[in-house]
Every structure is written in C-alpha cells, then in structure tokens.
Amino acid sequence: MMFKIVFLGTAGCGKTSLTYAFGEWLKEELDASISYINMDPGVYTTPYKPSYDVREIVTVEKLMEEGLGPNGGMIRAAEIIEENLGVICNEINSLSSDFILIDTPGQLELFLFRSMGPRLIEDVSRYSPTVSVYIMDPAIASSSSGLAISLTLPLITRLRLKVPTVSVINKSDMPEIYKVEKFLEDVLTLGQEIAREESGLIGDLASRYIQLLKEFSKSIRIVKTSAKTGEGMSDLYTIVHEALCECGDLM
C-alpha cells in the first residue's frame, strides 16, 4: 500500500533536508521504495532526484528574468501551479512507491494559506493515506512567544489540509534546542514566561492562549530530529506510523 507524507514549515526550518534524510532512512531501515516530489518552484537544487518536479511547469528564476521580483515571482508561480493542479496531481497519483514524500515551498504561506496546498492534498489523499509533518525551527521556537506560535501552526495545518498532522523540531543538533525542551517540559512555565514579556490585555490574552495550548498539548507528541546527524528518524517514523494508522495499516 502507498503512503504520502507532506513536509512543511516556515522558511529555513530544513524541509528539503529532512525530506531527503527521512526518505533515505526509510530505504535503509525498511527497504522501502521512495518517490520524492518537489513542489518548490524557487529551489535551485535538491539533494534528492525528484520523481516529479514542479519546476517542469514553472520556476521563480524564469519569472524573475521576465521582470518580477522574488515575492512577485513566488506568488505568480503559486498561481501557475494552481492552474495546473490537475496535471500535477495526476503525475503524483500515478507513482507506485511505498512512500511518496512531498517537499513543499520554502514560503509556508504559499502552500498553506493559498488554495494550492489544500487543493493538492485533498486530491492526492483520495487515493492513499496521507499525513503532514509540520517542522518547527528551534531558531524561532527557542523564545516563549516563538514556541507558542510554533505550537499553533501544526493545529492550523491540520485544519487547512484536513489530514493527520504530526510535529517535529528539526535541527536538534543546534544549541537552541535546550530552550525549546525546557519550555515543552511544562507549558505553564511557557505561559509564565510570556506573561513576563507582555502586560495588560496582551498578557491576559497570552495567558488564556497558553491554557488552550495546555489542553491541546495533552494529545500532541513532538519529536526531535536532525537531518544533519540523522537523529530522530526512528521517532519520526513512529509518530507518522501512529498518524497513518488513523487511515490505514502501515507497512
């Protein structure tokens, strides 16, 4: 049976590196066949050889040569991808690997908050179990407010894509990871830290927000990974396994 795994997160979180590292781990540990999908029209190179590459349809580089700036090029590329989603989805759904790993654009908003991402996932998830992996960046999550935001985005991802979503903190080899671990040990400590940063209405809202996160965190398990060192690939597989078991048996 085929399974699709979508990797997404904020710019610089290490999506492409983790996509590749996890795919190679699946090959070595499970002897699984892997298809890599590149959905980023702005990337220059990838560490994997894509089984399907959206740059066959559009590249930001070419759009910039035609006069658009980087942001305008990404937005126009997203529009062109949306216009060609039928072709793209057919290409992805025609693959027959054990795992199809989908590497999304560096700019999270282009995939998650425009219609491109939800429409793509709605189509490809019809034909095989699909899960999204939301990747947190410790450079953002090492502050109390940054971690609060990072904990919220996987929930938004789940609502937008309508598929099971798991969370990982990538770059576990970075020194900032200890701050993230400290906050995750006790969400209430996170709330107290935010309260010290803010006051008045914002502080009160932050306190209530943390209480909400505390309720959600009871059902959220976050694992640490490092595409650089290979740490956490087994843990990532375990939580993906658990999520995929919601919609079918995993190999």
C-alpha atoms as a PDB file:
ATOM      1  CA  MET A   1       0.000   0.000   0.000  1.00  0.00           C
ATOM      2  CA  MET A   2       1.189   3.502  -0.806  1.00  0.00           C
ATOM      3  CA  PHE A   3       1.515   6.314   1.745  1.00  0.00           C
ATOM      4  CA  LYS A   4       2.043  10.027   1.175  1.00  0.00           C
ATOM      5  CA  ILE A   5       3.908  12.257   3.633  1.00  0.00           C
ATOM      6  CA  VAL A   6       3.900  16.042   3.226  1.00  0.00           C
ATOM      7  CA  PHE A   7       6.711  18.092   4.804  1.00  0.00           C
ATOM      8  CA  LEU A   8       6.060  21.744   5.562  1.00  0.00           C
ATOM      9  CA  GLY A   9       7.127  24.535   7.885  1.00  0.00           C
ATOM     10  CA  THR A  10       8.452  28.078   7.967  1.00  0.00           C
ATOM     11  CA  ALA A  11      11.315  29.184   5.714  1.00  0.00           C
ATOM     12  CA  GLY A  12      14.663  27.811   6.853  1.00  0.00           C
ATOM     13  CA  CYS A  13      13.287  25.010   9.045  1.00  0.00           C
ATOM     14  CA  GLY A  14      15.033  22.356   6.943  1.00  0.00           C
ATOM     15  CA  LYS A  15      12.127  20.863   4.963  1.00  0.00           C
ATOM     16  CA  THR A  16      14.141  19.686   1.996  1.00  0.00           C
ATOM     17  CA  SER A  17      16.987  18.258   4.077  1.00  0.00           C
ATOM     18  CA  LEU A  18      14.590  16.420   6.391  1.00  0.00           C
ATOM     19  CA  THR A  19      12.532  15.108   3.478  1.00  0.00           C
ATOM     20  CA  TYR A  20      15.669  13.611   1.972  1.00  0.00           C
ATOM     21  CA  ALA A  21      17.102  12.310   5.269  1.00  0.00           C
ATOM     22  CA  PHE A  22      13.841  10.592   6.208  1.00  0.00           C
ATOM     23  CA  GLY A  23      13.477   9.074   2.747  1.00  0.00           C
ATOM     24  CA  GLU A  24      16.965   7.642   2.890  1.00  0.00           C
ATOM     25  CA  TRP A  25      16.262   6.258   6.376  1.00  0.00           C
ATOM     26  CA  LEU A  26      13.109   4.549   5.089  1.00  0.00           C
ATOM     27  CA  LYS A  27      15.140   2.974   2.299  1.00  0.00           C
ATOM     28  CA  GLU A  28      17.863   1.687   4.609  1.00  0.00           C
ATOM     29  CA  GLU A  29      15.763   0.588   7.576  1.00  0.00           C
ATOM     30  CA  LEU A  30      12.574  -0.660   5.888  1.00  0.00           C
ATOM     31  CA  ASP A  31      13.860  -1.436   2.406  1.00  0.00           C
ATOM     32  CA  ALA A  32      11.037   0.808   1.199  1.00  0.00           C
ATOM     33  CA  SER A  33      10.750   2.337  -2.252  1.00  0.00           C
ATOM     34  CA  ILE A  34      10.626   6.146  -2.169  1.00  0.00           C
ATOM     35  CA  SER A  35       9.369   8.801  -4.567  1.00  0.00           C
ATOM     36  CA  TYR A  36      10.399  12.378  -3.877  1.00  0.00           C
ATOM     37  CA  ILE A  37       8.142  15.222  -5.024  1.00  0.00           C
ATOM     38  CA  ASN A  38       9.474  18.783  -5.273  1.00  0.00           C
ATOM     39  CA  MET A  39       6.693  21.372  -5.032  1.00  0.00           C
ATOM     40  CA  ASP A  40       9.029  24.357  -4.557  1.00  0.00           C
ATOM     41  CA  PRO A  41       9.335  26.406  -7.775  1.00  0.00           C
ATOM     42  CA  GLY A  42      12.008  28.591  -6.165  1.00  0.00           C
ATOM     43  CA  VAL A  43      14.584  25.993  -5.188  1.00  0.00           C
ATOM     44  CA  TYR A  44      17.770  25.754  -7.250  1.00  0.00           C
ATOM     45  CA  THR A  45      18.888  22.238  -6.340  1.00  0.00           C
ATOM     46  CA  THR A  46      17.617  19.347  -4.222  1.00  0.00           C
ATOM     47  CA  PRO A  47      19.639  16.587  -2.506  1.00  0.00           C
ATOM     48  CA  TYR A  48      17.252  14.000  -3.951  1.00  0.00           C
ATOM     49  CA  LYS A  49      16.289  13.198  -7.516  1.00  0.00           C
ATOM     50  CA  PRO A  50      12.599  14.151  -7.815  1.00  0.00           C
ATOM     51  CA  SER A  51      10.171  11.633  -9.248  1.00  0.00           C
ATOM     52  CA  TYR A  52       8.081  14.685 -10.042  1.00  0.00           C
ATOM     53  CA  ASP A  53       9.363  18.263 -10.043  1.00  0.00           C
ATOM     54  CA  VAL A  54       7.016  21.253 -10.235  1.00  0.00           C
ATOM     55  CA  ARG A  55       9.845  23.175 -11.910  1.00  0.00           C
ATOM     56  CA  GLU A  56       8.883  21.305 -15.066  1.00  0.00           C
ATOM     57  CA  ILE A  57       5.925  23.704 -15.149  1.00  0.00           C
ATOM     58  CA  VAL A  58       7.287  26.908 -13.606  1.00  0.00           C
ATOM     59  CA  THR A  59      10.382  28.324 -11.894  1.00  0.00           C
ATOM     60  CA  VAL A  60      10.698  31.530  -9.917  1.00  0.00           C
ATOM     61  CA  GLU A  61      14.033  32.155 -11.593  1.00  0.00           C
ATOM     62  CA  LYS A  62      12.429  32.338 -15.044  1.00  0.00           C
ATOM     63  CA  LEU A  63       9.618  34.570 -13.777  1.00  0.00           C
ATOM     64  CA  MET A  64      12.214  36.935 -12.302  1.00  0.00           C
ATOM     65  CA  GLU A  65      14.011  37.026 -15.642  1.00  0.00           C
ATOM     66  CA  GLU A  66      10.708  38.232 -17.084  1.00  0.00           C
ATOM     67  CA  GLY A  67      10.686  41.184 -14.685  1.00  0.00           C
ATOM     68  CA  LEU A  68       9.053  40.017 -11.453  1.00  0.00           C
ATOM     69  CA  GLY A  69      10.712  40.394  -8.068  1.00  0.00           C
ATOM     70  CA  PRO A  70      11.295  37.447  -5.679  1.00  0.00           C
ATOM     71  CA  ASN A  71       7.965  37.840  -3.878  1.00  0.00           C
ATOM     72  CA  GLY A  72       6.018  38.548  -7.034  1.00  0.00           C
ATOM     73  CA  GLY A  73       7.690  35.594  -8.697  1.00  0.00           C
ATOM     74  CA  MET A  74       6.677  33.232  -5.892  1.00  0.00           C
ATOM     75  CA  ILE A  75       3.080  34.450  -5.927  1.00  0.00           C
ATOM     76  CA  ARG A  76       2.811  34.161  -9.701  1.00  0.00           C
ATOM     77  CA  ALA A  77       4.420  30.703  -9.554  1.00  0.00           C
ATOM     78  CA  ALA A  78       1.805  29.635  -7.000  1.00  0.00           C
ATOM     79  CA  GLU A  79      -0.944  30.845  -9.336  1.00  0.00           C
ATOM     80  CA  ILE A  80       0.522  28.887 -12.249  1.00  0.00           C
ATOM     81  CA  ILE A  81       0.784  25.776 -10.058  1.00  0.00           C
ATOM     82  CA  GLU A  82      -2.876  26.154  -9.076  1.00  0.00           C
ATOM     83  CA  GLU A  83      -3.824  26.432 -12.745  1.00  0.00           C
ATOM     84  CA  ASN A  84      -2.018  23.134 -13.423  1.00  0.00           C
ATOM     85  CA  LEU A  85      -3.009  21.175 -10.315  1.00  0.00           C
ATOM     86  CA  GLY A  86      -4.908  18.580 -12.336  1.00  0.00           C
ATOM     87  CA  VAL A  87      -1.766  17.629 -14.259  1.00  0.00           C
ATOM     88  CA  ILE A  88       0.402  17.727 -11.119  1.00  0.00           C
ATOM     89  CA  CYS A  89      -1.937  15.546  -9.077  1.00  0.00           C
ATOM     90  CA  ASN A  90      -2.199  13.023 -11.904  1.00  0.00           C
ATOM     91  CA  GLU A  91       1.607  12.788 -12.002  1.00  0.00           C
ATOM     92  CA  ILE A  92       1.828  12.246  -8.246  1.00  0.00           C
ATOM     93  CA  ASN A  93      -1.039   9.758  -8.109  1.00  0.00           C
ATOM     94  CA  SER A  94       0.470   7.720 -10.954  1.00  0.00           C
ATOM     95  CA  LEU A  95       3.533   6.856  -8.846  1.00  0.00           C
ATOM     96  CA  SER A  96       3.686   3.430  -7.213  1.00  0.00           C
ATOM     97  CA  SER A  97       6.339   3.684  -4.474  1.00  0.00           C
ATOM     98  CA  ASP A  98       5.790   2.581  -0.884  1.00  0.00           C
ATOM     99  CA  PHE A  99       6.206   6.159   0.320  1.00  0.00           C
ATOM    100  CA  ILE A 100       5.721   9.399  -1.608  1.00  0.00           C
ATOM    101  CA  LEU A 101       7.454  12.279   0.186  1.00  0.00           C
ATOM    102  CA  ILE A 102       6.196  15.731  -0.810  1.00  0.00           C
ATOM    103  CA  ASP A 103       8.595  18.639  -0.258  1.00  0.00           C
ATOM    104  CA  THR A 104       6.643  21.921  -0.140  1.00  0.00           C
ATOM    105  CA  PRO A 105       7.715  25.516  -0.940  1.00  0.00           C
ATOM    106  CA  GLY A 106      10.027  27.357   1.420  1.00  0.00           C
ATOM    107  CA  GLN A 107       7.359  30.004   1.968  1.00  0.00           C
ATOM    108  CA  LEU A 108       4.772  28.265   4.146  1.00  0.00           C
ATOM    109  CA  GLU A 109       2.027  30.768   3.353  1.00  0.00           C
ATOM    110  CA  LEU A 110       2.102  29.980  -0.367  1.00  0.00           C
ATOM    111  CA  PHE A 111       1.277  26.339   0.276  1.00  0.00           C
ATOM    112  CA  LEU A 112      -0.870  26.509   3.386  1.00  0.00           C
ATOM    113  CA  PHE A 113      -2.828  29.760   3.115  1.00  0.00           C
ATOM    114  CA  ARG A 114      -3.466  29.902  -0.608  1.00  0.00           C
ATOM    115  CA  SER A 115      -5.715  27.303  -2.213  1.00  0.00           C
ATOM    116  CA  MET A 116      -2.790  25.463  -3.850  1.00  0.00           C
ATOM    117  CA  GLY A 117      -1.829  23.353  -0.833  1.00  0.00           C
ATOM    118  CA  PRO A 118      -5.274  22.339   0.427  1.00  0.00           C
ATOM    119  CA  ARG A 119      -6.432  21.511  -3.114  1.00  0.00           C
ATOM    120  CA  LEU A 120      -3.338  19.395  -3.792  1.00  0.00           C
ATOM    121  CA  ILE A 121      -3.658  17.456  -0.535  1.00  0.00           C
ATOM    122  CA  GLU A 122      -7.392  16.972  -0.994  1.00  0.00           C
ATOM    123  CA  ASP A 123      -6.744  15.323  -4.348  1.00  0.00           C
ATOM    124  CA  VAL A 124      -3.746  13.130  -3.518  1.00  0.00           C
ATOM    125  CA  SER A 125      -5.211  11.968  -0.190  1.00  0.00           C
ATOM    126  CA  ARG A 126      -8.197  10.443  -2.011  1.00  0.00           C
ATOM    127  CA  TYR A 127      -6.036   7.652  -3.378  1.00  0.00           C
ATOM    128  CA  SER A 128      -3.790   6.742  -0.438  1.00  0.00           C
ATOM    129  CA  PRO A 129      -3.381   7.556   3.268  1.00  0.00           C
ATOM    130  CA  THR A 130      -1.708  10.941   3.723  1.00  0.00           C
ATOM    131  CA  VAL A 131      -0.141  12.690   6.711  1.00  0.00           C
ATOM    132  CA  SER A 132       1.555  16.064   7.046  1.00  0.00           C
ATOM    133  CA  VAL A 133       4.719  16.653   9.062  1.00  0.00           C
ATOM    134  CA  TYR A 134       4.951  20.163  10.486  1.00  0.00           C
ATOM    135  CA  ILE A 135       8.581  21.107  11.112  1.00  0.00           C
ATOM    136  CA  MET A 136       9.446  23.560  13.889  1.00  0.00           C
ATOM    137  CA  ASP A 137      12.645  25.581  13.707  1.00  0.00           C
ATOM    138  CA  PRO A 138      14.444  25.944  17.085  1.00  0.00           C
ATOM    139  CA  ALA A 139      15.688  29.370  15.993  1.00  0.00           C
ATOM    140  CA  ILE A 140      12.053  30.504  16.215  1.00  0.00           C
ATOM    141  CA  ALA A 141      10.770  28.155  18.932  1.00  0.00           C
ATOM    142  CA  SER A 142      13.547  28.943  21.433  1.00  0.00           C
ATOM    143  CA  SER A 143      11.687  32.038  22.676  1.00  0.00           C
ATOM    144  CA  SER A 144       8.484  31.707  24.671  1.00  0.00           C
ATOM    145  CA  SER A 145       6.335  33.627  22.192  1.00  0.00           C
ATOM    146  CA  GLY A 146       8.041  31.903  19.256  1.00  0.00           C
ATOM    147  CA  LEU A 147       7.305  28.460  20.673  1.00  0.00           C
ATOM    148  CA  ALA A 148       3.688  29.411  21.356  1.00  0.00           C
ATOM    149  CA  ILE A 149       3.332  30.352  17.683  1.00  0.00           C
ATOM    150  CA  SER A 150       5.173  27.202  16.609  1.00  0.00           C
ATOM    151  CA  LEU A 151       2.775  25.052  18.624  1.00  0.00           C
ATOM    152  CA  THR A 152      -0.197  26.735  16.993  1.00  0.00           C
ATOM    153  CA  LEU A 153       0.847  26.315  13.370  1.00  0.00           C
ATOM    154  CA  PRO A 154       0.523  22.491  13.355  1.00  0.00           C
ATOM    155  CA  LEU A 155      -3.071  22.920  14.527  1.00  0.00           C
ATOM    156  CA  ILE A 156      -3.708  25.399  11.721  1.00  0.00           C
ATOM    157  CA  THR A 157      -2.058  22.967   9.299  1.00  0.00           C
ATOM    158  CA  ARG A 158      -4.402  20.202  10.435  1.00  0.00           C
ATOM    159  CA  LEU A 159      -7.415  22.467   9.917  1.00  0.00           C
ATOM    160  CA  ARG A 160      -6.273  23.692   6.499  1.00  0.00           C
ATOM    161  CA  LEU A 161      -5.116  20.386   4.984  1.00  0.00           C
ATOM    162  CA  LYS A 162      -7.658  18.124   6.708  1.00  0.00           C
ATOM    163  CA  VAL A 163      -5.192  15.241   7.101  1.00  0.00           C
ATOM    164  CA  PRO A 164      -3.478  13.902  10.248  1.00  0.00           C
ATOM    165  CA  THR A 165      -0.607  16.188  11.234  1.00  0.00           C
ATOM    166  CA  VAL A 166       2.444  15.419  13.386  1.00  0.00           C
ATOM    167  CA  SER A 167       5.041  17.840  14.761  1.00  0.00           C
ATOM    168  CA  VAL A 168       8.827  17.659  14.849  1.00  0.00           C
ATOM    169  CA  ILE A 169      11.552  20.016  15.975  1.00  0.00           C
ATOM    170  CA  ASN A 170      14.284  19.841  13.381  1.00  0.00           C
ATOM    171  CA  LYS A 171      17.943  20.829  13.791  1.00  0.00           C
ATOM    172  CA  SER A 172      18.189  19.100  17.166  1.00  0.00           C
ATOM    173  CA  ASP A 173      21.967  19.467  16.873  1.00  0.00           C
ATOM    174  CA  MET A 174      21.638  23.249  17.365  1.00  0.00           C
ATOM    175  CA  PRO A 175      22.328  24.710  20.854  1.00  0.00           C
ATOM    176  CA  GLU A 176      18.945  26.485  20.956  1.00  0.00           C
ATOM    177  CA  ILE A 177      17.182  23.148  21.293  1.00  0.00           C
ATOM    178  CA  TYR A 178      17.682  23.065  25.082  1.00  0.00           C
ATOM    179  CA  LYS A 179      15.485  26.168  25.475  1.00  0.00           C
ATOM    180  CA  VAL A 180      12.707  24.523  23.480  1.00  0.00           C
ATOM    181  CA  GLU A 181      12.955  21.357  25.572  1.00  0.00           C
ATOM    182  CA  LYS A 182      12.754  23.392  28.764  1.00  0.00           C
ATOM    183  CA  PHE A 183       9.530  25.088  27.684  1.00  0.00           C
ATOM    184  CA  LEU A 184       7.987  21.859  26.398  1.00  0.00           C
ATOM    185  CA  GLU A 185       8.526  20.175  29.753  1.00  0.00           C
ATOM    186  CA  ASP A 186       5.903  22.462  31.256  1.00  0.00           C
ATOM    187  CA  VAL A 187       3.538  24.512  29.115  1.00  0.00           C
ATOM    188  CA  LEU A 188       2.581  26.560  32.201  1.00  0.00           C
ATOM    189  CA  THR A 189       6.204  27.687  32.508  1.00  0.00           C
ATOM    190  CA  LEU A 190       5.881  28.873  28.936  1.00  0.00           C
ATOM    191  CA  GLY A 191       2.801  30.896  29.946  1.00  0.00           C
ATOM    192  CA  GLN A 192       4.637  32.496  32.848  1.00  0.00           C
ATOM    193  CA  GLU A 193       7.487  33.468  30.568  1.00  0.00           C
ATOM    194  CA  ILE A 194       5.127  35.099  28.083  1.00  0.00           C
ATOM    195  CA  ALA A 195       3.370  36.923  30.942  1.00  0.00           C
ATOM    196  CA  ARG A 196       6.721  38.449  31.906  1.00  0.00           C
ATOM    197  CA  GLU A 197       7.221  39.604  28.316  1.00  0.00           C
ATOM    198  CA  GLU A 198       3.772  41.170  27.972  1.00  0.00           C
ATOM    199  CA  SER A 199       1.347  43.084  30.167  1.00  0.00           C
ATOM    200  CA  GLY A 200      -2.210  44.396  30.104  1.00  0.00           C
ATOM    201  CA  LEU A 201      -4.663  42.982  27.594  1.00  0.00           C
ATOM    202  CA  ILE A 202      -1.989  41.195  25.562  1.00  0.00           C
ATOM    203  CA  GLY A 203      -0.651  39.473  28.657  1.00  0.00           C
ATOM    204  CA  ASP A 204      -4.150  38.363  29.648  1.00  0.00           C
ATOM    205  CA  LEU A 205      -4.840  37.024  26.156  1.00  0.00           C
ATOM    206  CA  ALA A 206      -1.488  35.231  26.157  1.00  0.00           C
ATOM    207  CA  SER A 207      -2.339  33.578  29.474  1.00  0.00           C
ATOM    208  CA  ARG A 208      -5.665  32.300  28.135  1.00  0.00           C
ATOM    209  CA  TYR A 209      -3.955  31.181  24.961  1.00  0.00           C
ATOM    210  CA  ILE A 210      -1.476  29.102  26.953  1.00  0.00           C
ATOM    211  CA  GLN A 211      -4.327  27.399  28.776  1.00  0.00           C
ATOM    212  CA  LEU A 212      -5.741  26.422  25.388  1.00  0.00           C
ATOM    213  CA  LEU A 213      -2.343  25.109  24.302  1.00  0.00           C
ATOM    214  CA  LYS A 214      -2.113  23.128  27.511  1.00  0.00           C
ATOM    215  CA  GLU A 215      -5.336  21.318  26.648  1.00  0.00           C
ATOM    216  CA  PHE A 216      -4.166  20.589  23.110  1.00  0.00           C
ATOM    217  CA  SER A 217      -0.691  19.542  24.245  1.00  0.00           C
ATOM    218  CA  LYS A 218      -2.154  16.565  26.096  1.00  0.00           C
ATOM    219  CA  SER A 219      -2.697  14.894  22.727  1.00  0.00           C
ATOM    220  CA  ILE A 220       0.382  16.303  20.967  1.00  0.00           C
ATOM    221  CA  ARG A 221       3.725  14.487  20.962  1.00  0.00           C
ATOM    222  CA  ILE A 222       6.674  16.312  19.476  1.00  0.00           C
ATOM    223  CA  VAL A 223       9.888  14.542  18.483  1.00  0.00           C
ATOM    224  CA  LYS A 224      13.345  15.938  17.814  1.00  0.00           C
ATOM    225  CA  THR A 225      15.063  15.314  14.500  1.00  0.00           C
ATOM    226  CA  SER A 226      18.252  16.340  12.785  1.00  0.00           C
ATOM    227  CA  ALA A 227      18.630  15.961   9.046  1.00  0.00           C
ATOM    228  CA  LYS A 228      22.333  16.660   9.572  1.00  0.00           C
ATOM    229  CA  THR A 229      23.099  13.901  12.087  1.00  0.00           C
ATOM    230  CA  GLY A 230      20.199  11.524  11.393  1.00  0.00           C
ATOM    231  CA  GLU A 231      18.891  11.789  14.946  1.00  0.00           C
ATOM    232  CA  GLY A 232      15.206  11.088  15.488  1.00  0.00           C
ATOM    233  CA  MET A 233      14.334   9.348  12.218  1.00  0.00           C
ATOM    234  CA  SER A 234      13.011   6.307  14.080  1.00  0.00           C
ATOM    235  CA  ASP A 235      10.920   8.549  16.332  1.00  0.00           C
ATOM    236  CA  LEU A 236       9.591  10.411  13.303  1.00  0.00           C
ATOM    237  CA  TYR A 237       8.602   7.129  11.705  1.00  0.00           C
ATOM    238  CA  THR A 238       6.821   6.100  14.901  1.00  0.00           C
ATOM    239  CA  ILE A 239       4.613   9.197  15.077  1.00  0.00           C
ATOM    240  CA  VAL A 240       3.963   9.073  11.327  1.00  0.00           C
ATOM    241  CA  HIS A 241       3.054   5.394  11.789  1.00  0.00           C
ATOM    242  CA  GLU A 242       0.597   6.311  14.531  1.00  0.00           C
ATOM    243  CA  ALA A 243      -0.950   9.070  12.420  1.00  0.00           C
ATOM    244  CA  LEU A 244      -1.238   6.919   9.308  1.00  0.00           C
ATOM    245  CA  CYS A 245      -2.851   4.150  11.308  1.00  0.00           C
ATOM    246  CA  GLU A 246      -5.818   6.516  11.624  1.00  0.00           C
ATOM    247  CA  CYS A 247      -6.489   5.928   7.942  1.00  0.00           C
ATOM    248  CA  GLY A 248      -4.982   2.521   7.147  1.00  0.00           C
ATOM    249  CA  ASP A 249      -2.419  -0.107   8.089  1.00  0.00           C
ATOM    250  CA  LEU A 250       1.207   0.877   7.738  1.00  0.00           C
ATOM    251  CA  MET A 251       3.862  -1.486   6.441  1.00  0.00           C
END
